[in-house]
Protein backbone atom coordinates (compact mmCIF):
# COMPACT_ATOMS: atom_id res chain seq x y z
CA UNK A 1 0.00 0.00 0.00
CA UNK A 2 2.84 2.41 0.89
CA UNK A 3 4.49 1.76 -2.49
CA UNK A 4 1.22 2.41 -4.32
CA UNK A 5 0.78 5.72 -2.50
CA UNK A 6 4.34 6.75 -3.38
CA UNK A 7 3.73 5.97 -7.06
CA UNK A 8 0.50 7.99 -6.98
CA UNK A 9 2.33 10.95 -5.47
CA UNK A 10 4.91 10.97 -8.29
CA UNK A 11 2.27 10.83 -11.07
CA UNK A 12 -0.51 13.41 -11.11
CA UNK A 13 -3.60 12.69 -13.21
CA UNK A 14 -5.46 15.69 -14.65
CA UNK A 15 -8.66 14.60 -16.46
CA UNK A 16 -9.46 16.74 -19.48
CA UNK A 17 -13.13 17.12 -18.62
CA UNK A 18 -12.27 18.51 -15.18
CA UNK A 19 -9.64 20.89 -16.53
CA UNK A 20 -11.94 22.13 -19.29
CA UNK A 21 -14.67 22.96 -16.82
CA UNK A 22 -12.31 25.32 -15.00
CA UNK A 23 -11.04 27.24 -18.06
CA UNK A 24 -11.74 27.51 -21.78
CA UNK A 25 -8.33 26.04 -22.74
CA UNK A 26 -4.96 25.05 -21.26
CA UNK A 27 -2.51 26.66 -23.67
CA UNK A 28 -1.65 29.55 -21.33
CA UNK A 29 -0.87 27.11 -18.50
CA UNK A 30 1.43 25.12 -20.77
CA UNK A 31 3.08 28.30 -22.01
CA UNK A 32 3.91 29.34 -18.44
CA UNK A 33 5.58 25.99 -17.78
CA UNK A 34 7.53 26.15 -21.04
CA UNK A 35 8.62 29.72 -20.24
CA UNK A 36 10.43 28.44 -17.14
CA UNK A 37 12.25 25.70 -19.04
CA UNK A 38 15.72 25.49 -20.48
CA UNK A 39 14.86 22.55 -22.73
CA UNK A 40 11.71 20.90 -24.08
CA UNK A 41 11.82 17.45 -25.68
CA UNK A 42 8.71 16.18 -27.47
CA UNK A 43 7.96 12.73 -28.92
CA UNK A 44 4.79 12.30 -30.98
CA UNK A 45 3.76 9.04 -32.72
CA UNK A 46 0.35 10.13 -34.04
CA UNK A 47 0.31 13.81 -35.04
CA UNK A 48 2.55 16.86 -35.42
CA UNK A 49 3.61 18.33 -32.04
CA UNK A 50 1.72 21.46 -31.04
CA UNK A 51 4.79 23.70 -31.12
CA UNK A 52 5.28 22.82 -34.80
CA UNK A 53 1.67 22.96 -35.98
CA UNK A 54 0.49 25.49 -38.53
CA UNK A 55 -2.55 27.49 -37.46
CA UNK A 56 -4.96 25.58 -39.70
CA UNK A 57 -3.58 22.19 -38.66
CA UNK A 58 -3.98 23.21 -35.01
CA UNK A 59 -7.51 24.47 -35.58
CA UNK A 60 -8.56 21.15 -37.08
CA UNK A 61 -6.93 19.19 -34.26
CA UNK A 62 -8.77 21.23 -31.63
CA UNK A 63 -12.04 20.76 -33.54
CA UNK A 64 -11.62 16.98 -33.03
CA UNK A 65 -10.80 17.18 -29.33
CA UNK A 66 -12.94 15.52 -26.66
CA UNK A 67 -14.38 16.97 -24.53
CA UNK A 68 -15.37 19.27 -27.37
CA UNK A 69 -14.44 22.94 -27.38
CA UNK A 70 -17.22 25.47 -27.79
CA UNK A 71 -17.03 26.88 -31.31
CA UNK A 72 -15.90 30.39 -30.20
CA UNK A 73 -13.16 28.83 -28.08
CA UNK A 74 -11.56 27.01 -31.02
CA UNK A 75 -10.28 30.30 -32.46
CA UNK A 76 -8.93 31.39 -29.07
CA UNK A 77 -7.15 28.12 -28.30
CA UNK A 78 -5.67 28.03 -31.81
CA UNK A 79 -4.31 31.56 -31.42
CA UNK A 80 -2.85 30.67 -28.03
CA UNK A 81 -1.10 27.62 -29.46
CA UNK A 82 0.43 29.73 -32.22
CA UNK A 83 1.55 32.29 -29.60
CA UNK A 84 3.42 29.53 -27.75
CA UNK A 85 5.57 28.94 -30.82
CA UNK A 86 7.40 32.26 -30.37
CA UNK A 87 9.55 30.45 -27.78
CA UNK A 88 11.18 28.46 -30.61
CA UNK A 89 13.03 31.59 -31.65
CA UNK A 90 14.68 32.13 -28.25
CA UNK A 91 18.31 30.98 -28.73
CA UNK A 92 18.74 30.58 -24.97
CA UNK A 93 16.33 27.65 -24.96
CA UNK A 94 16.60 24.23 -26.58
CA UNK A 95 13.86 22.23 -28.29
CA UNK A 96 13.96 18.67 -29.56
CA UNK A 97 11.24 16.92 -31.55
CA UNK A 98 10.93 13.28 -32.55
CA UNK A 99 7.99 12.47 -34.82
CA UNK A 100 7.03 9.25 -36.58
CA UNK A 101 6.57 9.18 -40.34
CA UNK A 102 3.03 7.94 -39.72
CA UNK A 103 2.29 11.11 -37.75
CA UNK A 104 3.38 13.25 -40.70
CA UNK A 105 1.16 11.26 -43.04
CA UNK A 106 -1.90 11.62 -40.78
CA UNK A 107 -4.28 13.90 -42.63
CA UNK A 108 -6.67 16.17 -40.70
CA UNK A 109 -7.50 18.03 -43.89
CA UNK A 110 -6.75 18.28 -47.63
CA UNK A 111 -3.30 17.48 -49.06
CA UNK A 112 -2.40 21.19 -49.23
CA UNK A 113 -2.77 21.37 -45.44
CA UNK A 114 -0.24 18.57 -44.94
CA UNK A 115 2.15 20.06 -47.48
CA UNK A 116 2.10 23.39 -45.63
CA UNK A 117 2.73 21.52 -42.41
CA UNK A 118 5.74 19.70 -43.86
CA UNK A 119 7.14 23.04 -45.04
CA UNK A 120 6.73 24.42 -41.53
CA UNK A 121 8.66 21.51 -40.02
CA UNK A 122 11.46 21.84 -42.56
CA UNK A 123 11.74 25.57 -41.84
CA UNK A 124 11.82 25.21 -38.04
CA UNK A 125 14.43 22.43 -38.30
CA UNK A 126 16.95 25.00 -39.57
CA UNK A 127 16.92 26.92 -36.26
CA UNK A 128 20.14 26.48 -34.30
CA UNK A 129 18.40 25.72 -31.01
CA UNK A 130 15.90 23.24 -32.50
CA UNK A 131 16.48 19.62 -33.52
CA UNK A 132 13.89 17.66 -35.47
CA UNK A 133 14.04 13.94 -36.14
CA UNK A 134 11.53 11.85 -38.05
CA UNK A 135 11.36 8.09 -37.48
CA UNK A 136 10.91 6.42 -40.88
CA UNK A 137 8.49 3.54 -41.19
CA UNK A 138 11.42 1.56 -42.60
CA UNK A 139 13.61 2.13 -39.51
CA UNK A 140 14.61 -0.88 -37.42
CA UNK A 141 12.66 -0.62 -34.16
CA UNK A 142 14.80 -0.25 -31.04
CA UNK A 143 11.89 0.43 -28.69
CA UNK A 144 8.11 0.79 -28.65
CA UNK A 145 6.47 3.81 -27.06
CA UNK A 146 2.72 3.76 -27.84
CA UNK A 147 2.00 7.32 -26.66
CA UNK A 148 3.53 10.75 -26.95
CA UNK A 149 5.42 12.41 -24.12
CA UNK A 150 7.11 15.71 -23.35
CA UNK A 151 10.18 16.25 -21.14
CA UNK A 152 10.38 19.69 -19.55
CA UNK A 153 13.87 20.49 -18.23
CA UNK A 154 13.61 23.49 -15.88
CA UNK A 155 15.72 26.61 -16.09
CA UNK A 156 15.96 26.72 -12.28
CA UNK A 157 18.17 23.85 -11.01
CA UNK A 158 16.03 23.68 -7.87
CA UNK A 159 12.92 22.80 -9.88
CA UNK A 160 12.00 19.25 -10.90
CA UNK A 161 12.20 17.94 -14.42
CA UNK A 162 8.66 17.01 -15.50
CA UNK A 163 7.23 14.49 -17.95
CA UNK A 164 3.83 15.16 -19.54
CA UNK A 165 1.98 12.20 -21.03
CA UNK A 166 -1.26 12.90 -22.88
CA UNK A 167 -3.87 10.13 -22.91
CA UNK A 168 -7.39 10.15 -24.31
CA UNK A 169 -8.95 10.94 -20.94
CA UNK A 170 -6.26 12.88 -19.04
CA UNK A 171 -2.86 14.51 -18.94
CA UNK A 172 -0.35 12.76 -16.66
CA UNK A 173 2.42 14.72 -14.95
CA UNK A 174 5.35 12.55 -13.86
CA UNK A 175 8.15 13.77 -11.58
CA UNK A 176 9.63 10.55 -10.14
CA UNK A 177 13.36 10.25 -10.81
CA UNK A 178 13.11 6.57 -11.76
CA UNK A 179 10.35 7.23 -14.27
CA UNK A 180 12.29 10.18 -15.65
CA UNK A 181 15.24 7.87 -16.29
CA UNK A 182 12.91 5.49 -18.16
CA UNK A 183 11.68 8.26 -20.46
CA UNK A 184 15.23 9.46 -21.09
CA UNK A 185 16.24 5.93 -22.14
CA UNK A 186 13.24 5.77 -24.44
CA UNK A 187 14.11 9.17 -25.93
CA UNK A 188 17.67 8.02 -26.62
CA UNK A 189 16.48 4.89 -28.44
CA UNK A 190 13.87 6.80 -30.44
CA UNK A 191 16.49 9.37 -31.43
CA UNK A 192 18.71 6.59 -32.78
CA UNK A 193 15.83 5.47 -35.01
CA UNK A 194 15.18 8.96 -36.42
CA UNK A 195 16.40 10.65 -39.60
CA UNK A 196 18.16 13.98 -39.10
CA UNK A 197 19.86 16.59 -41.27
CA UNK A 198 20.01 15.71 -44.99
CA UNK A 199 18.25 12.39 -44.35
CA UNK A 200 15.40 14.28 -42.69
CA UNK A 201 15.07 16.66 -45.63
CA UNK A 202 15.05 13.73 -48.08
CA UNK A 203 12.34 11.98 -46.04
CA UNK A 204 10.21 15.13 -45.84
CA UNK A 205 10.53 15.56 -49.62
CA UNK A 206 9.50 11.93 -50.17
CA UNK A 207 6.44 12.30 -47.94
CA UNK A 208 5.53 15.58 -49.66
CA UNK A 209 5.72 13.90 -53.07
CA UNK A 210 3.35 11.16 -51.91
CA UNK A 211 0.92 13.69 -50.42
CA UNK A 212 1.02 15.81 -53.58
CA UNK A 213 -0.10 12.79 -55.59
CA UNK A 214 -3.28 12.40 -53.52
CA UNK A 215 -6.54 13.72 -54.99
CA UNK A 216 -7.84 16.98 -53.56
CA UNK A 217 -11.03 17.10 -51.53
CA UNK A 218 -13.09 17.91 -54.62
CA UNK A 219 -11.80 14.76 -56.32
CA UNK A 220 -9.72 16.56 -58.92
C-alpha atoms as a PDB file:
ATOM      1  CA  UNK A   1       0.000   0.000   0.000  1.00  0.00           C
ATOM      2  CA  UNK A   2       2.836   2.414   0.892  1.00  0.00           C
ATOM      3  CA  UNK A   3       4.494   1.759  -2.485  1.00  0.00           C
ATOM      4  CA  UNK A   4       1.223   2.407  -4.316  1.00  0.00           C
ATOM      5  CA  UNK A   5       0.777   5.715  -2.501  1.00  0.00           C
ATOM      6  CA  UNK A   6       4.345   6.746  -3.379  1.00  0.00           C
ATOM      7  CA  UNK A   7       3.726   5.968  -7.058  1.00  0.00           C
ATOM      8  CA  UNK A   8       0.505   7.989  -6.983  1.00  0.00           C
ATOM      9  CA  UNK A   9       2.326  10.955  -5.469  1.00  0.00           C
ATOM     10  CA  UNK A  10       4.907  10.972  -8.289  1.00  0.00           C
ATOM     11  CA  UNK A  11       2.265  10.832 -11.066  1.00  0.00           C
ATOM     12  CA  UNK A  12      -0.514  13.409 -11.113  1.00  0.00           C
ATOM     13  CA  UNK A  13      -3.605  12.691 -13.213  1.00  0.00           C
ATOM     14  CA  UNK A  14      -5.465  15.694 -14.646  1.00  0.00           C
ATOM     15  CA  UNK A  15      -8.664  14.601 -16.463  1.00  0.00           C
ATOM     16  CA  UNK A  16      -9.459  16.738 -19.483  1.00  0.00           C
ATOM     17  CA  UNK A  17     -13.129  17.120 -18.623  1.00  0.00           C
ATOM     18  CA  UNK A  18     -12.272  18.510 -15.179  1.00  0.00           C
ATOM     19  CA  UNK A  19      -9.641  20.895 -16.529  1.00  0.00           C
ATOM     20  CA  UNK A  20     -11.942  22.128 -19.289  1.00  0.00           C
ATOM     21  CA  UNK A  21     -14.674  22.960 -16.817  1.00  0.00           C
ATOM     22  CA  UNK A  22     -12.309  25.318 -14.998  1.00  0.00           C
ATOM     23  CA  UNK A  23     -11.037  27.236 -18.056  1.00  0.00           C
ATOM     24  CA  UNK A  24     -11.735  27.507 -21.775  1.00  0.00           C
ATOM     25  CA  UNK A  25      -8.333  26.039 -22.735  1.00  0.00           C
ATOM     26  CA  UNK A  26      -4.963  25.053 -21.256  1.00  0.00           C
ATOM     27  CA  UNK A  27      -2.511  26.663 -23.670  1.00  0.00           C
ATOM     28  CA  UNK A  28      -1.648  29.546 -21.331  1.00  0.00           C
ATOM     29  CA  UNK A  29      -0.867  27.106 -18.497  1.00  0.00           C
ATOM     30  CA  UNK A  30       1.430  25.116 -20.773  1.00  0.00           C
ATOM     31  CA  UNK A  31       3.081  28.299 -22.006  1.00  0.00           C
ATOM     32  CA  UNK A  32       3.906  29.343 -18.441  1.00  0.00           C
ATOM     33  CA  UNK A  33       5.576  25.989 -17.784  1.00  0.00           C
ATOM     34  CA  UNK A  34       7.529  26.148 -21.037  1.00  0.00           C
ATOM     35  CA  UNK A  35       8.624  29.718 -20.244  1.00  0.00           C
ATOM     36  CA  UNK A  36      10.428  28.436 -17.139  1.00  0.00           C
ATOM     37  CA  UNK A  37      12.246  25.697 -19.040  1.00  0.00           C
ATOM     38  CA  UNK A  38      15.725  25.489 -20.477  1.00  0.00           C
ATOM     39  CA  UNK A  39      14.856  22.552 -22.733  1.00  0.00           C
ATOM     40  CA  UNK A  40      11.708  20.900 -24.079  1.00  0.00           C
ATOM     41  CA  UNK A  41      11.824  17.448 -25.681  1.00  0.00           C
ATOM     42  CA  UNK A  42       8.711  16.181 -27.472  1.00  0.00           C
ATOM     43  CA  UNK A  43       7.963  12.730 -28.917  1.00  0.00           C
ATOM     44  CA  UNK A  44       4.791  12.297 -30.976  1.00  0.00           C
ATOM     45  CA  UNK A  45       3.761   9.040 -32.716  1.00  0.00           C
ATOM     46  CA  UNK A  46       0.354  10.127 -34.045  1.00  0.00           C
ATOM     47  CA  UNK A  47       0.314  13.805 -35.036  1.00  0.00           C
ATOM     48  CA  UNK A  48       2.545  16.858 -35.419  1.00  0.00           C
ATOM     49  CA  UNK A  49       3.611  18.326 -32.039  1.00  0.00           C
ATOM     50  CA  UNK A  50       1.721  21.460 -31.040  1.00  0.00           C
ATOM     51  CA  UNK A  51       4.790  23.702 -31.117  1.00  0.00           C
ATOM     52  CA  UNK A  52       5.279  22.820 -34.801  1.00  0.00           C
ATOM     53  CA  UNK A  53       1.669  22.959 -35.983  1.00  0.00           C
ATOM     54  CA  UNK A  54       0.486  25.486 -38.533  1.00  0.00           C
ATOM     55  CA  UNK A  55      -2.547  27.492 -37.463  1.00  0.00           C
ATOM     56  CA  UNK A  56      -4.962  25.579 -39.701  1.00  0.00           C
ATOM     57  CA  UNK A  57      -3.584  22.193 -38.663  1.00  0.00           C
ATOM     58  CA  UNK A  58      -3.978  23.214 -35.007  1.00  0.00           C
ATOM     59  CA  UNK A  59      -7.513  24.471 -35.575  1.00  0.00           C
ATOM     60  CA  UNK A  60      -8.561  21.153 -37.077  1.00  0.00           C
ATOM     61  CA  UNK A  61      -6.933  19.191 -34.260  1.00  0.00           C
ATOM     62  CA  UNK A  62      -8.769  21.233 -31.632  1.00  0.00           C
ATOM     63  CA  UNK A  63     -12.042  20.763 -33.541  1.00  0.00           C
ATOM     64  CA  UNK A  64     -11.625  16.975 -33.032  1.00  0.00           C
ATOM     65  CA  UNK A  65     -10.799  17.181 -29.333  1.00  0.00           C
ATOM     66  CA  UNK A  66     -12.944  15.522 -26.660  1.00  0.00           C
ATOM     67  CA  UNK A  67     -14.384  16.972 -24.528  1.00  0.00           C
ATOM     68  CA  UNK A  68     -15.368  19.267 -27.366  1.00  0.00           C
ATOM     69  CA  UNK A  69     -14.437  22.939 -27.379  1.00  0.00           C
ATOM     70  CA  UNK A  70     -17.219  25.468 -27.787  1.00  0.00           C
ATOM     71  CA  UNK A  71     -17.028  26.875 -31.311  1.00  0.00           C
ATOM     72  CA  UNK A  72     -15.905  30.394 -30.196  1.00  0.00           C
ATOM     73  CA  UNK A  73     -13.155  28.834 -28.076  1.00  0.00           C
ATOM     74  CA  UNK A  74     -11.560  27.014 -31.018  1.00  0.00           C
ATOM     75  CA  UNK A  75     -10.282  30.297 -32.464  1.00  0.00           C
ATOM     76  CA  UNK A  76      -8.934  31.389 -29.073  1.00  0.00           C
ATOM     77  CA  UNK A  77      -7.153  28.121 -28.299  1.00  0.00           C
ATOM     78  CA  UNK A  78      -5.672  28.031 -31.815  1.00  0.00           C
ATOM     79  CA  UNK A  79      -4.310  31.565 -31.423  1.00  0.00           C
ATOM     80  CA  UNK A  80      -2.852  30.673 -28.034  1.00  0.00           C
ATOM     81  CA  UNK A  81      -1.096  27.624 -29.457  1.00  0.00           C
ATOM     82  CA  UNK A  82       0.432  29.731 -32.216  1.00  0.00           C
ATOM     83  CA  UNK A  83       1.554  32.294 -29.605  1.00  0.00           C
ATOM     84  CA  UNK A  84       3.421  29.533 -27.750  1.00  0.00           C
ATOM     85  CA  UNK A  85       5.573  28.942 -30.818  1.00  0.00           C
ATOM     86  CA  UNK A  86       7.405  32.260 -30.372  1.00  0.00           C
ATOM     87  CA  UNK A  87       9.547  30.445 -27.785  1.00  0.00           C
ATOM     88  CA  UNK A  88      11.179  28.457 -30.609  1.00  0.00           C
ATOM     89  CA  UNK A  89      13.035  31.595 -31.648  1.00  0.00           C
ATOM     90  CA  UNK A  90      14.681  32.129 -28.251  1.00  0.00           C
ATOM     91  CA  UNK A  91      18.310  30.983 -28.733  1.00  0.00           C
ATOM     92  CA  UNK A  92      18.739  30.584 -24.973  1.00  0.00           C
ATOM     93  CA  UNK A  93      16.328  27.652 -24.956  1.00  0.00           C
ATOM     94  CA  UNK A  94      16.603  24.229 -26.584  1.00  0.00           C
ATOM     95  CA  UNK A  95      13.863  22.228 -28.286  1.00  0.00           C
ATOM     96  CA  UNK A  96      13.964  18.666 -29.563  1.00  0.00           C
ATOM     97  CA  UNK A  97      11.240  16.925 -31.552  1.00  0.00           C
ATOM     98  CA  UNK A  98      10.927  13.281 -32.548  1.00  0.00           C
ATOM     99  CA  UNK A  99       7.994  12.466 -34.819  1.00  0.00           C
ATOM    100  CA  UNK A 100       7.034   9.249 -36.579  1.00  0.00           C
ATOM    101  CA  UNK A 101       6.573   9.177 -40.341  1.00  0.00           C
ATOM    102  CA  UNK A 102       3.033   7.937 -39.723  1.00  0.00           C
ATOM    103  CA  UNK A 103       2.288  11.107 -37.748  1.00  0.00           C
ATOM    104  CA  UNK A 104       3.384  13.252 -40.696  1.00  0.00           C
ATOM    105  CA  UNK A 105       1.160  11.261 -43.037  1.00  0.00           C
ATOM    106  CA  UNK A 106      -1.903  11.623 -40.780  1.00  0.00           C
ATOM    107  CA  UNK A 107      -4.282  13.904 -42.634  1.00  0.00           C
ATOM    108  CA  UNK A 108      -6.669  16.169 -40.698  1.00  0.00           C
ATOM    109  CA  UNK A 109      -7.502  18.034 -43.888  1.00  0.00           C
ATOM    110  CA  UNK A 110      -6.751  18.285 -47.631  1.00  0.00           C
ATOM    111  CA  UNK A 111      -3.301  17.485 -49.063  1.00  0.00           C
ATOM    112  CA  UNK A 112      -2.397  21.190 -49.229  1.00  0.00           C
ATOM    113  CA  UNK A 113      -2.769  21.366 -45.438  1.00  0.00           C
ATOM    114  CA  UNK A 114      -0.244  18.568 -44.940  1.00  0.00           C
ATOM    115  CA  UNK A 115       2.151  20.064 -47.481  1.00  0.00           C
ATOM    116  CA  UNK A 116       2.101  23.395 -45.631  1.00  0.00           C
ATOM    117  CA  UNK A 117       2.735  21.519 -42.407  1.00  0.00           C
ATOM    118  CA  UNK A 118       5.742  19.697 -43.862  1.00  0.00           C
ATOM    119  CA  UNK A 119       7.143  23.044 -45.040  1.00  0.00           C
ATOM    120  CA  UNK A 120       6.729  24.421 -41.531  1.00  0.00           C
ATOM    121  CA  UNK A 121       8.658  21.510 -40.019  1.00  0.00           C
ATOM    122  CA  UNK A 122      11.455  21.840 -42.562  1.00  0.00           C
ATOM    123  CA  UNK A 123      11.735  25.570 -41.835  1.00  0.00           C
ATOM    124  CA  UNK A 124      11.823  25.210 -38.041  1.00  0.00           C
ATOM    125  CA  UNK A 125      14.425  22.429 -38.296  1.00  0.00           C
ATOM    126  CA  UNK A 126      16.949  24.999 -39.573  1.00  0.00           C
ATOM    127  CA  UNK A 127      16.923  26.919 -36.259  1.00  0.00           C
ATOM    128  CA  UNK A 128      20.144  26.485 -34.301  1.00  0.00           C
ATOM    129  CA  UNK A 129      18.402  25.716 -31.009  1.00  0.00           C
ATOM    130  CA  UNK A 130      15.904  23.238 -32.496  1.00  0.00           C
ATOM    131  CA  UNK A 131      16.476  19.615 -33.515  1.00  0.00           C
ATOM    132  CA  UNK A 132      13.891  17.657 -35.468  1.00  0.00           C
ATOM    133  CA  UNK A 133      14.036  13.940 -36.139  1.00  0.00           C
ATOM    134  CA  UNK A 134      11.527  11.846 -38.049  1.00  0.00           C
ATOM    135  CA  UNK A 135      11.355   8.092 -37.480  1.00  0.00           C
ATOM    136  CA  UNK A 136      10.907   6.424 -40.881  1.00  0.00           C
ATOM    137  CA  UNK A 137       8.488   3.544 -41.194  1.00  0.00           C
ATOM    138  CA  UNK A 138      11.419   1.561 -42.601  1.00  0.00           C
ATOM    139  CA  UNK A 139      13.605   2.128 -39.514  1.00  0.00           C
ATOM    140  CA  UNK A 140      14.609  -0.879 -37.416  1.00  0.00           C
ATOM    141  CA  UNK A 141      12.658  -0.615 -34.159  1.00  0.00           C
ATOM    142  CA  UNK A 142      14.800  -0.251 -31.044  1.00  0.00           C
ATOM    143  CA  UNK A 143      11.889   0.429 -28.691  1.00  0.00           C
ATOM    144  CA  UNK A 144       8.111   0.788 -28.647  1.00  0.00           C
ATOM    145  CA  UNK A 145       6.469   3.812 -27.057  1.00  0.00           C
ATOM    146  CA  UNK A 146       2.720   3.765 -27.840  1.00  0.00           C
ATOM    147  CA  UNK A 147       1.999   7.317 -26.663  1.00  0.00           C
ATOM    148  CA  UNK A 148       3.528  10.751 -26.945  1.00  0.00           C
ATOM    149  CA  UNK A 149       5.418  12.412 -24.122  1.00  0.00           C
ATOM    150  CA  UNK A 150       7.113  15.714 -23.351  1.00  0.00           C
ATOM    151  CA  UNK A 151      10.176  16.250 -21.142  1.00  0.00           C
ATOM    152  CA  UNK A 152      10.384  19.690 -19.548  1.00  0.00           C
ATOM    153  CA  UNK A 153      13.865  20.486 -18.230  1.00  0.00           C
ATOM    154  CA  UNK A 154      13.610  23.488 -15.876  1.00  0.00           C
ATOM    155  CA  UNK A 155      15.717  26.610 -16.086  1.00  0.00           C
ATOM    156  CA  UNK A 156      15.961  26.721 -12.279  1.00  0.00           C
ATOM    157  CA  UNK A 157      18.165  23.847 -11.009  1.00  0.00           C
ATOM    158  CA  UNK A 158      16.031  23.678  -7.866  1.00  0.00           C
ATOM    159  CA  UNK A 159      12.923  22.796  -9.877  1.00  0.00           C
ATOM    160  CA  UNK A 160      11.997  19.253 -10.895  1.00  0.00           C
ATOM    161  CA  UNK A 161      12.196  17.941 -14.425  1.00  0.00           C
ATOM    162  CA  UNK A 162       8.661  17.006 -15.504  1.00  0.00           C
ATOM    163  CA  UNK A 163       7.227  14.494 -17.952  1.00  0.00           C
ATOM    164  CA  UNK A 164       3.830  15.156 -19.536  1.00  0.00           C
ATOM    165  CA  UNK A 165       1.981  12.198 -21.028  1.00  0.00           C
ATOM    166  CA  UNK A 166      -1.263  12.897 -22.884  1.00  0.00           C
ATOM    167  CA  UNK A 167      -3.868  10.134 -22.911  1.00  0.00           C
ATOM    168  CA  UNK A 168      -7.393  10.153 -24.311  1.00  0.00           C
ATOM    169  CA  UNK A 169      -8.945  10.940 -20.936  1.00  0.00           C
ATOM    170  CA  UNK A 170      -6.263  12.884 -19.038  1.00  0.00           C
ATOM    171  CA  UNK A 171      -2.862  14.507 -18.937  1.00  0.00           C
ATOM    172  CA  UNK A 172      -0.347  12.764 -16.660  1.00  0.00           C
ATOM    173  CA  UNK A 173       2.421  14.725 -14.951  1.00  0.00           C
ATOM    174  CA  UNK A 174       5.346  12.549 -13.865  1.00  0.00           C
ATOM    175  CA  UNK A 175       8.148  13.771 -11.581  1.00  0.00           C
ATOM    176  CA  UNK A 176       9.626  10.552 -10.139  1.00  0.00           C
ATOM    177  CA  UNK A 177      13.365  10.252 -10.810  1.00  0.00           C
ATOM    178  CA  UNK A 178      13.111   6.572 -11.755  1.00  0.00           C
ATOM    179  CA  UNK A 179      10.346   7.228 -14.269  1.00  0.00           C
ATOM    180  CA  UNK A 180      12.290  10.184 -15.654  1.00  0.00           C
ATOM    181  CA  UNK A 181      15.240   7.865 -16.292  1.00  0.00           C
ATOM    182  CA  UNK A 182      12.911   5.493 -18.160  1.00  0.00           C
ATOM    183  CA  UNK A 183      11.683   8.257 -20.461  1.00  0.00           C
ATOM    184  CA  UNK A 184      15.234   9.457 -21.091  1.00  0.00           C
ATOM    185  CA  UNK A 185      16.235   5.933 -22.136  1.00  0.00           C
ATOM    186  CA  UNK A 186      13.244   5.766 -24.441  1.00  0.00           C
ATOM    187  CA  UNK A 187      14.112   9.169 -25.929  1.00  0.00           C
ATOM    188  CA  UNK A 188      17.671   8.017 -26.624  1.00  0.00           C
ATOM    189  CA  UNK A 189      16.478   4.892 -28.444  1.00  0.00           C
ATOM    190  CA  UNK A 190      13.866   6.799 -30.445  1.00  0.00           C
ATOM    191  CA  UNK A 191      16.494   9.365 -31.428  1.00  0.00           C
ATOM    192  CA  UNK A 192      18.710   6.592 -32.778  1.00  0.00           C
ATOM    193  CA  UNK A 193      15.826   5.471 -35.006  1.00  0.00           C
ATOM    194  CA  UNK A 194      15.184   8.955 -36.417  1.00  0.00           C
ATOM    195  CA  UNK A 195      16.396  10.647 -39.599  1.00  0.00           C
ATOM    196  CA  UNK A 196      18.163  13.982 -39.099  1.00  0.00           C
ATOM    197  CA  UNK A 197      19.856  16.594 -41.269  1.00  0.00           C
ATOM    198  CA  UNK A 198      20.015  15.713 -44.992  1.00  0.00           C
ATOM    199  CA  UNK A 199      18.254  12.393 -44.351  1.00  0.00           C
ATOM    200  CA  UNK A 200      15.403  14.284 -42.689  1.00  0.00           C
ATOM    201  CA  UNK A 201      15.068  16.662 -45.626  1.00  0.00           C
ATOM    202  CA  UNK A 202      15.046  13.732 -48.076  1.00  0.00           C
ATOM    203  CA  UNK A 203      12.339  11.983 -46.044  1.00  0.00           C
ATOM    204  CA  UNK A 204      10.208  15.133 -45.845  1.00  0.00           C
ATOM    205  CA  UNK A 205      10.528  15.555 -49.623  1.00  0.00           C
ATOM    206  CA  UNK A 206       9.499  11.929 -50.168  1.00  0.00           C
ATOM    207  CA  UNK A 207       6.436  12.299 -47.940  1.00  0.00           C
ATOM    208  CA  UNK A 208       5.530  15.582 -49.663  1.00  0.00           C
ATOM    209  CA  UNK A 209       5.716  13.900 -53.067  1.00  0.00           C
ATOM    210  CA  UNK A 210       3.346  11.164 -51.910  1.00  0.00           C
ATOM    211  CA  UNK A 211       0.917  13.693 -50.417  1.00  0.00           C
ATOM    212  CA  UNK A 212       1.021  15.813 -53.577  1.00  0.00           C
ATOM    213  CA  UNK A 213      -0.103  12.790 -55.587  1.00  0.00           C
ATOM    214  CA  UNK A 214      -3.279  12.404 -53.520  1.00  0.00           C
ATOM    215  CA  UNK A 215      -6.542  13.717 -54.994  1.00  0.00           C
ATOM    216  CA  UNK A 216      -7.839  16.976 -53.563  1.00  0.00           C
ATOM    217  CA  UNK A 217     -11.030  17.098 -51.532  1.00  0.00           C
ATOM    218  CA  UNK A 218     -13.089  17.907 -54.620  1.00  0.00           C
ATOM    219  CA  UNK A 219     -11.800  14.760 -56.322  1.00  0.00           C
ATOM    220  CA  UNK A 220      -9.716  16.561 -58.921  1.00  0.00           C
END
